[in-house]
């Protein structure tokens, strides 16, 4: 009986010490490297949640944005400028210094200020994005979506792609 009690304490001690090592390591990994997030709503349709019934789950790479480096076409997670308790996922349309033709913003054309970028949802009219709140500070950047990992039939790597007719204006384009 005493031997069983000693073995039980030994296993409990090993579990507790392993737990106190595993939790900080896991939290650090999730904070610094990557984590998964469910994408809900219609704002990124048709690329994410194409049928509207299922939510896609994406891998958000935190390591790749540690220096706030993003490129046009990346799908990023940011802290919402309207609600700091919420994270939103949108596509990067313009980087600092770019001139953007907006879709309903207060100005028809905007120069993206230094330290900011322009984000939009793929489903215009169903997205709370830079057309609602303007350029977004890179300090709100949280992660870059690198893969769709759920549902299994949609597994894929996410490459940066700009939607047709979106992106920075070329110097030769007229700015009415």
Protein backbone atom coordinates (compact mmCIF):
# COMPACT_ATOMS: atom_id res chain seq x y z
CA UNK A 1 0.00 0.00 0.00
CA UNK A 2 2.79 2.43 0.90
CA UNK A 3 4.57 1.56 -2.32
CA UNK A 4 1.43 2.37 -4.41
CA UNK A 5 1.03 5.70 -2.59
CA UNK A 6 4.68 6.58 -3.27
CA UNK A 7 4.27 5.67 -6.96
CA UNK A 8 1.09 7.81 -7.16
CA UNK A 9 2.90 10.79 -5.65
CA UNK A 10 5.80 10.25 -8.02
CA UNK A 11 3.47 10.30 -11.07
CA UNK A 12 1.57 13.31 -9.74
CA UNK A 13 4.82 15.19 -9.16
CA UNK A 14 6.02 14.33 -12.70
CA UNK A 15 2.68 15.47 -14.16
CA UNK A 16 2.68 18.77 -12.26
CA UNK A 17 6.30 19.57 -13.12
CA UNK A 18 5.67 18.67 -16.78
CA UNK A 19 2.54 20.83 -16.78
CA UNK A 20 4.43 23.84 -15.42
CA UNK A 21 7.03 23.43 -18.16
CA UNK A 22 4.59 22.68 -21.02
CA UNK A 23 2.20 25.58 -20.40
CA UNK A 24 4.80 28.39 -20.62
CA UNK A 25 6.45 26.74 -23.64
CA UNK A 26 3.07 26.41 -25.40
CA UNK A 27 2.06 29.99 -24.58
CA UNK A 28 5.41 31.26 -25.87
CA UNK A 29 5.07 29.23 -29.07
CA UNK A 30 1.55 30.57 -29.68
CA UNK A 31 2.60 34.14 -28.88
CA UNK A 32 5.76 34.19 -30.99
CA UNK A 33 5.36 31.70 -33.82
CA UNK A 34 1.86 30.70 -34.94
CA UNK A 35 -1.66 29.85 -33.90
CA UNK A 36 -4.95 28.87 -35.51
CA UNK A 37 -8.02 31.06 -35.90
CA UNK A 38 -11.51 30.48 -37.20
CA UNK A 39 -12.63 32.88 -39.92
CA UNK A 40 -16.32 33.64 -39.65
CA UNK A 41 -18.58 35.84 -41.73
CA UNK A 42 -18.78 36.86 -45.35
CA UNK A 43 -16.18 39.62 -45.51
CA UNK A 44 -13.45 37.44 -47.08
CA UNK A 45 -15.70 35.48 -49.45
CA UNK A 46 -15.18 33.92 -51.92
CA UNK A 47 -11.57 33.12 -50.91
CA UNK A 48 -12.38 32.18 -47.29
CA UNK A 49 -15.70 30.58 -46.30
CA UNK A 50 -16.71 30.18 -49.97
CA UNK A 51 -20.01 28.37 -49.35
CA UNK A 52 -20.92 30.46 -46.32
CA UNK A 53 -22.01 27.47 -44.27
CA UNK A 54 -18.65 26.37 -42.87
CA UNK A 55 -16.01 28.49 -41.19
CA UNK A 56 -12.48 28.13 -42.49
CA UNK A 57 -9.70 27.69 -39.97
CA UNK A 58 -6.40 29.32 -40.90
CA UNK A 59 -2.88 29.13 -39.54
CA UNK A 60 -1.74 32.60 -38.55
CA UNK A 61 2.00 33.02 -38.75
CA UNK A 62 3.13 35.49 -36.09
CA UNK A 63 6.84 35.01 -36.70
CA UNK A 64 6.71 36.33 -40.27
CA UNK A 65 5.22 39.68 -39.15
CA UNK A 66 7.47 40.31 -36.17
CA UNK A 67 9.13 43.17 -38.07
CA UNK A 68 5.79 44.38 -39.50
CA UNK A 69 6.78 43.19 -42.96
CA UNK A 70 3.77 42.45 -45.14
CA UNK A 71 3.23 42.59 -48.86
CA UNK A 72 0.30 43.48 -51.07
CA UNK A 73 -2.12 40.58 -51.32
CA UNK A 74 -1.28 39.06 -47.90
CA UNK A 75 -4.23 38.08 -45.74
CA UNK A 76 -3.50 39.43 -42.27
CA UNK A 77 -5.03 39.43 -38.82
CA UNK A 78 -5.11 42.80 -37.08
CA UNK A 79 -6.55 44.19 -33.89
CA UNK A 80 -9.71 45.99 -34.98
CA UNK A 81 -9.32 49.79 -34.97
CA UNK A 82 -13.03 50.02 -34.05
CA UNK A 83 -13.00 47.42 -31.25
CA UNK A 84 -9.63 46.57 -29.63
CA UNK A 85 -11.16 43.43 -28.10
CA UNK A 86 -11.67 41.96 -31.58
CA UNK A 87 -9.29 40.69 -34.26
CA UNK A 88 -10.25 40.92 -37.92
CA UNK A 89 -8.85 39.20 -40.99
CA UNK A 90 -8.48 41.19 -44.21
CA UNK A 91 -6.33 41.43 -47.34
CA UNK A 92 -3.51 44.01 -47.67
CA UNK A 93 -4.26 46.20 -50.69
CA UNK A 94 -1.72 49.00 -50.25
CA UNK A 95 1.46 49.72 -48.33
CA UNK A 96 2.88 52.98 -47.00
CA UNK A 97 3.33 55.55 -49.73
CA UNK A 98 0.86 53.88 -52.12
CA UNK A 99 -2.02 55.82 -53.63
CA UNK A 100 -5.28 53.87 -53.36
CA UNK A 101 -8.61 54.40 -55.12
CA UNK A 102 -11.04 53.80 -52.26
CA UNK A 103 -14.45 52.11 -52.32
CA UNK A 104 -16.66 54.44 -50.33
CA UNK A 105 -14.15 56.07 -48.00
CA UNK A 106 -14.55 59.81 -47.31
CA UNK A 107 -11.87 60.59 -49.94
CA UNK A 108 -11.89 58.94 -53.35
CA UNK A 109 -8.07 58.67 -53.35
CA UNK A 110 -5.83 58.17 -50.34
CA UNK A 111 -2.08 58.15 -49.91
CA UNK A 112 -1.27 55.49 -47.33
CA UNK A 113 0.79 57.24 -44.61
CA UNK A 114 4.13 55.96 -43.34
CA UNK A 115 3.69 53.16 -40.79
CA UNK A 116 0.26 52.20 -42.15
CA UNK A 117 -1.31 49.91 -44.74
CA UNK A 118 -4.67 49.69 -46.51
CA UNK A 119 -6.76 46.55 -45.92
CA UNK A 120 -9.99 45.34 -47.48
CA UNK A 121 -12.25 42.33 -47.31
CA UNK A 122 -12.71 40.42 -50.55
CA UNK A 123 -16.51 40.76 -50.36
CA UNK A 124 -17.02 44.49 -50.82
CA UNK A 125 -20.10 45.86 -49.12
CA UNK A 126 -19.97 43.12 -46.47
CA UNK A 127 -16.70 44.12 -44.88
CA UNK A 128 -15.64 46.52 -42.16
CA UNK A 129 -12.24 47.54 -43.51
CA UNK A 130 -10.09 50.55 -44.46
CA UNK A 131 -12.96 51.85 -46.59
CA UNK A 132 -14.74 52.35 -43.26
CA UNK A 133 -11.92 53.41 -40.93
CA UNK A 134 -9.04 54.45 -43.20
CA UNK A 135 -5.41 53.32 -43.24
CA UNK A 136 -4.42 50.93 -40.45
CA UNK A 137 -1.30 51.29 -38.29
CA UNK A 138 1.19 48.46 -38.69
CA UNK A 139 1.27 48.32 -34.89
CA UNK A 140 -2.15 46.62 -35.01
CA UNK A 141 -0.74 43.76 -37.11
CA UNK A 142 -1.19 40.43 -35.36
CA UNK A 143 -0.35 37.70 -37.87
CA UNK A 144 -0.36 36.63 -41.51
CA UNK A 145 -2.59 33.79 -42.71
CA UNK A 146 -0.27 31.23 -44.28
CA UNK A 147 -2.48 28.13 -44.71
CA UNK A 148 -6.11 27.04 -44.66
CA UNK A 149 -6.09 24.01 -42.37
CA UNK A 150 -9.81 23.25 -42.00
CA UNK A 151 -11.99 21.88 -43.52
CA UNK A 152 -9.68 19.18 -44.93
CA UNK A 153 -10.90 19.48 -48.53
CA UNK A 154 -9.72 23.12 -48.52
CA UNK A 155 -6.17 22.51 -47.22
CA UNK A 156 -3.87 24.88 -49.05
CA UNK A 157 -1.06 27.36 -48.71
CA UNK A 158 -2.24 30.96 -49.00
CA UNK A 159 -0.26 32.98 -51.52
CA UNK A 160 -0.44 36.78 -51.72
CA UNK A 161 -2.86 37.76 -54.49
CA UNK A 162 -4.52 41.09 -55.16
CA UNK A 163 -8.14 41.03 -56.33
CA UNK A 164 -8.73 42.36 -59.85
CA UNK A 165 -8.76 46.17 -60.07
CA UNK A 166 -7.49 46.59 -56.50
CA UNK A 167 -4.10 47.74 -55.38
CA UNK A 168 -2.06 50.91 -55.67
CA UNK A 169 -2.58 53.29 -58.54
CA UNK A 170 0.06 53.41 -61.21
CA UNK A 171 1.59 56.87 -61.75
CA UNK A 172 0.01 57.01 -65.22
CA UNK A 173 -3.57 56.49 -63.94
CA UNK A 174 -5.77 59.56 -63.78
CA UNK A 175 -6.83 60.77 -60.37
CA UNK A 176 -10.00 62.64 -61.35
